[in-house]
């Protein structure tokens, strides 16, 4: 009985460790392929570059789009307009 309990504890520890490791390695990709073969409205978001997505979509009823859930690491740059006072 003790042996069975020890095996069950070791197995559950191994499974939970595997799930945690896989979650830590998951990452977001900036581009998604969408089309008739994809049930989800987001499609398959597993592409690092737009070109990778286009290559995969080539010859299929599919298109590429940005991943709406992709977390950008930097803020987009916004051009600031300078207003000069006193000059026309």
N, C-alpha and C. Protein backbone atom coordinates (compact mmCIF):
# COMPACT_ATOMS: atom_id res chain seq x y z
N UNK A 1 0.81 -1.18 0.00
CA UNK A 1 0.00 0.00 0.00
C UNK A 1 0.86 1.25 0.00
N UNK A 2 1.93 1.24 0.80
CA UNK A 2 2.84 2.38 0.85
C UNK A 2 3.51 2.60 -0.51
N UNK A 3 3.87 1.50 -1.12
CA UNK A 3 4.52 1.58 -2.43
C UNK A 3 3.59 2.20 -3.46
N UNK A 4 2.34 1.81 -3.45
CA UNK A 4 1.35 2.35 -4.37
C UNK A 4 1.15 3.85 -4.14
N UNK A 5 1.07 4.25 -2.86
CA UNK A 5 0.92 5.66 -2.51
C UNK A 5 2.14 6.46 -2.97
N UNK A 6 3.34 5.94 -2.78
CA UNK A 6 4.57 6.61 -3.20
C UNK A 6 4.61 6.79 -4.72
N UNK A 7 4.18 5.79 -5.44
CA UNK A 7 4.15 5.87 -6.89
C UNK A 7 3.15 6.93 -7.34
N UNK A 8 1.99 6.98 -6.69
CA UNK A 8 0.96 7.96 -7.04
C UNK A 8 1.45 9.38 -6.78
N UNK A 9 2.13 9.60 -5.66
CA UNK A 9 2.67 10.92 -5.33
C UNK A 9 3.76 11.30 -6.34
N UNK A 10 4.63 10.40 -6.67
CA UNK A 10 5.70 10.69 -7.63
C UNK A 10 5.13 10.98 -9.01
N UNK A 11 4.13 10.24 -9.42
CA UNK A 11 3.50 10.46 -10.72
C UNK A 11 2.80 11.81 -10.78
N UNK A 12 2.06 12.16 -9.75
CA UNK A 12 1.38 13.46 -9.75
C UNK A 12 2.38 14.61 -9.71
N UNK A 13 3.49 14.44 -9.01
CA UNK A 13 4.52 15.48 -8.98
C UNK A 13 5.16 15.64 -10.36
N UNK A 14 5.39 14.54 -11.04
CA UNK A 14 5.99 14.60 -12.38
C UNK A 14 5.05 15.26 -13.37
N UNK A 15 3.76 14.95 -13.29
CA UNK A 15 2.78 15.54 -14.19
C UNK A 15 2.64 17.03 -13.93
N UNK A 16 2.55 17.43 -12.68
CA UNK A 16 2.39 18.85 -12.37
C UNK A 16 3.62 19.65 -12.74
N UNK A 17 4.80 19.07 -12.61
CA UNK A 17 6.03 19.75 -13.02
C UNK A 17 6.07 19.93 -14.52
N UNK A 18 5.63 18.94 -15.26
CA UNK A 18 5.60 19.03 -16.72
C UNK A 18 4.65 20.11 -17.20
N UNK A 19 3.51 20.24 -16.55
CA UNK A 19 2.54 21.26 -16.94
C UNK A 19 3.09 22.64 -16.64
N UNK A 20 3.73 22.83 -15.52
CA UNK A 20 4.30 24.12 -15.15
C UNK A 20 5.40 24.51 -16.13
N UNK A 21 6.24 23.58 -16.51
CA UNK A 21 7.33 23.86 -17.44
C UNK A 21 6.79 24.25 -18.80
N UNK A 22 5.77 23.57 -19.28
CA UNK A 22 5.19 23.90 -20.57
C UNK A 22 4.55 25.28 -20.55
N UNK A 23 3.90 25.64 -19.46
CA UNK A 23 3.28 26.96 -19.36
C UNK A 23 4.33 28.05 -19.35
N UNK A 24 5.45 27.80 -18.71
CA UNK A 24 6.50 28.81 -18.65
C UNK A 24 7.15 29.02 -20.02
N UNK A 25 7.12 28.00 -20.88
CA UNK A 25 7.74 28.11 -22.18
C UNK A 25 6.79 28.65 -23.24
N UNK A 26 5.51 28.76 -22.92
CA UNK A 26 4.54 29.27 -23.90
C UNK A 26 4.84 30.73 -24.18
N UNK A 27 4.58 31.17 -25.45
CA UNK A 27 4.83 32.56 -25.78
C UNK A 27 3.83 33.02 -26.82
N UNK A 28 3.73 34.30 -26.91
CA UNK A 28 2.81 34.89 -27.88
C UNK A 28 3.52 35.08 -29.20
N UNK A 29 2.75 34.98 -30.26
CA UNK A 29 3.27 35.21 -31.60
C UNK A 29 2.50 36.38 -32.21
N UNK A 30 3.16 37.25 -32.94
CA UNK A 30 2.52 38.45 -33.44
C UNK A 30 1.58 38.26 -34.63
N UNK A 31 1.64 37.12 -35.34
CA UNK A 31 0.84 36.97 -36.54
C UNK A 31 0.01 35.68 -36.51
N UNK A 32 -1.20 35.78 -37.07
CA UNK A 32 -2.14 34.66 -37.11
C UNK A 32 -2.56 34.39 -38.54
N UNK A 33 -2.80 33.12 -38.82
CA UNK A 33 -3.36 32.73 -40.12
C UNK A 33 -4.84 32.45 -39.89
N UNK A 34 -5.68 32.96 -40.78
CA UNK A 34 -7.13 32.81 -40.66
C UNK A 34 -7.68 32.32 -41.98
N UNK A 35 -8.82 31.68 -41.93
CA UNK A 35 -9.44 31.21 -43.16
C UNK A 35 -10.48 30.15 -42.90
N UNK A 36 -10.89 29.46 -43.97
CA UNK A 36 -11.97 28.49 -43.90
C UNK A 36 -11.63 27.28 -43.03
N UNK A 37 -10.39 26.91 -42.92
CA UNK A 37 -10.00 25.70 -42.18
C UNK A 37 -9.78 25.94 -40.69
N UNK A 38 -9.99 27.17 -40.21
CA UNK A 38 -9.72 27.49 -38.82
C UNK A 38 -11.03 27.84 -38.13
N UNK A 39 -11.39 27.05 -37.14
CA UNK A 39 -12.67 27.21 -36.44
C UNK A 39 -12.66 28.48 -35.59
N UNK A 40 -11.57 28.76 -34.92
CA UNK A 40 -11.47 29.92 -34.05
C UNK A 40 -11.48 31.21 -34.88
N UNK A 41 -12.07 32.26 -34.33
CA UNK A 41 -12.08 33.54 -35.03
C UNK A 41 -10.68 34.16 -35.08
N UNK A 42 -9.82 33.76 -34.15
CA UNK A 42 -8.46 34.28 -34.13
C UNK A 42 -7.58 33.52 -35.11
N UNK A 43 -7.87 32.25 -35.35
CA UNK A 43 -7.07 31.43 -36.26
C UNK A 43 -5.93 30.75 -35.53
N UNK A 44 -4.86 30.50 -36.24
CA UNK A 44 -3.66 29.86 -35.69
C UNK A 44 -2.59 30.91 -35.53
N UNK A 45 -2.36 31.34 -34.31
CA UNK A 45 -1.38 32.40 -34.03
C UNK A 45 -0.06 31.78 -33.61
N UNK A 46 0.70 31.27 -34.58
CA UNK A 46 1.97 30.62 -34.26
C UNK A 46 3.08 31.07 -35.20
N UNK A 47 3.05 32.33 -35.61
CA UNK A 47 4.03 32.82 -36.58
C UNK A 47 4.80 34.02 -36.03
N UNK A 48 6.13 33.94 -36.13
CA UNK A 48 6.99 35.03 -35.69
C UNK A 48 6.98 36.20 -36.66
N UNK A 49 6.90 35.90 -37.95
CA UNK A 49 6.96 36.96 -38.95
C UNK A 49 5.75 36.87 -39.88
N UNK A 50 5.45 37.99 -40.50
CA UNK A 50 4.35 38.05 -41.46
C UNK A 50 4.66 37.16 -42.66
N UNK A 51 5.93 37.13 -43.07
CA UNK A 51 6.34 36.31 -44.22
C UNK A 51 6.13 34.82 -43.94
N UNK A 52 6.41 34.36 -42.73
CA UNK A 52 6.16 32.96 -42.38
C UNK A 52 4.68 32.63 -42.54
N UNK A 53 3.84 33.54 -42.08
CA UNK A 53 2.41 33.34 -42.18
C UNK A 53 1.96 33.31 -43.64
N UNK A 54 2.47 34.24 -44.45
CA UNK A 54 2.12 34.28 -45.87
C UNK A 54 2.55 33.01 -46.59
N UNK A 55 3.73 32.51 -46.26
CA UNK A 55 4.22 31.28 -46.89
C UNK A 55 3.30 30.09 -46.55
N UNK A 56 2.83 30.04 -45.33
CA UNK A 56 1.93 28.97 -44.92
C UNK A 56 0.56 29.11 -45.59
N UNK A 57 0.09 30.34 -45.74
CA UNK A 57 -1.23 30.58 -46.33
C UNK A 57 -1.23 30.43 -47.85
N UNK A 58 -0.08 30.42 -48.46
CA UNK A 58 0.02 30.35 -49.92
C UNK A 58 -0.65 29.10 -50.47
N UNK A 59 -1.53 29.29 -51.44
CA UNK A 59 -2.21 28.17 -52.08
C UNK A 59 -3.41 27.65 -51.31
N UNK A 60 -3.80 28.30 -50.24
CA UNK A 60 -4.94 27.87 -49.43
C UNK A 60 -5.93 29.02 -49.33
N UNK A 61 -7.13 28.72 -48.91
CA UNK A 61 -8.11 29.77 -48.64
C UNK A 61 -7.83 30.34 -47.25
N UNK A 62 -6.75 31.10 -47.16
CA UNK A 62 -6.32 31.64 -45.87
C UNK A 62 -5.65 33.00 -46.07
N UNK A 63 -5.62 33.76 -45.00
CA UNK A 63 -4.94 35.06 -45.03
C UNK A 63 -4.28 35.29 -43.67
N UNK A 64 -3.43 36.29 -43.61
CA UNK A 64 -2.68 36.59 -42.39
C UNK A 64 -3.12 37.92 -41.79
N UNK A 65 -3.05 37.98 -40.48
CA UNK A 65 -3.45 39.19 -39.76
C UNK A 65 -2.63 39.26 -38.48
N UNK A 66 -2.64 40.42 -37.85
CA UNK A 66 -1.95 40.56 -36.57
C UNK A 66 -2.72 39.83 -35.48
N UNK A 67 -2.01 39.33 -34.50
CA UNK A 67 -2.61 38.67 -33.35
C UNK A 67 -3.19 39.75 -32.44
N UNK A 68 -4.50 39.76 -32.21
CA UNK A 68 -5.09 40.80 -31.38
C UNK A 68 -4.71 40.68 -29.91
N UNK A 69 -4.19 39.54 -29.49
CA UNK A 69 -3.82 39.33 -28.10
C UNK A 69 -2.31 39.39 -27.87
N UNK A 70 -1.56 39.75 -28.91
CA UNK A 70 -0.10 39.82 -28.79
C UNK A 70 0.27 41.00 -27.92
N UNK A 71 1.06 40.76 -26.91
CA UNK A 71 1.51 41.82 -26.01
C UNK A 71 2.78 42.44 -26.55
N UNK A 72 2.68 43.69 -26.98
CA UNK A 72 3.87 44.37 -27.49
C UNK A 72 4.81 44.69 -26.34
N UNK A 73 6.10 44.56 -26.60
CA UNK A 73 7.08 44.81 -25.55
C UNK A 73 7.41 46.30 -25.43
N UNK A 74 7.19 47.05 -26.48
CA UNK A 74 7.47 48.49 -26.41
C UNK A 74 6.25 49.26 -26.90
N UNK A 75 6.13 50.48 -26.42
CA UNK A 75 5.01 51.32 -26.81
C UNK A 75 5.25 51.86 -28.21
N UNK A 76 4.19 51.98 -29.01
CA UNK A 76 4.38 52.54 -30.34
C UNK A 76 4.79 54.01 -30.25
N UNK A 77 5.65 54.42 -31.16
CA UNK A 77 6.12 55.79 -31.17
C UNK A 77 5.08 56.68 -31.84
N UNK A 78 4.78 57.78 -31.18
CA UNK A 78 3.82 58.74 -31.70
C UNK A 78 4.57 60.02 -32.02
N UNK A 79 4.41 60.48 -33.25
CA UNK A 79 5.08 61.72 -33.64
C UNK A 79 4.39 62.90 -32.97
N UNK A 80 5.19 63.74 -32.33
CA UNK A 80 4.64 64.91 -31.67
C UNK A 80 4.79 66.12 -32.58
N UNK A 81 3.75 66.87 -32.66
CA UNK A 81 3.76 68.07 -33.49
C UNK A 81 4.20 69.25 -32.66
N UNK A 82 5.20 69.97 -33.13
CA UNK A 82 5.69 71.13 -32.42
C UNK A 82 4.94 72.38 -32.90
N UNK A 83 4.52 73.14 -31.96
CA UNK A 83 3.85 74.39 -32.29
C UNK A 83 4.78 75.53 -31.87
N UNK A 84 5.11 76.35 -32.84
CA UNK A 84 5.99 77.48 -32.56
C UNK A 84 5.12 78.70 -32.28
N UNK A 85 5.35 79.29 -31.17
CA UNK A 85 4.56 80.47 -30.82
C UNK A 85 5.22 81.73 -31.36
N UNK A 86 4.40 82.62 -31.85
CA UNK A 86 4.90 83.91 -32.32
C UNK A 86 5.39 83.91 -33.77
N UNK A 87 5.48 82.77 -34.41
CA UNK A 87 5.94 82.71 -35.80
C UNK A 87 4.83 82.21 -36.68
N UNK A 88 4.74 82.81 -37.88
CA UNK A 88 3.71 82.38 -38.81
C UNK A 88 4.33 81.90 -40.08
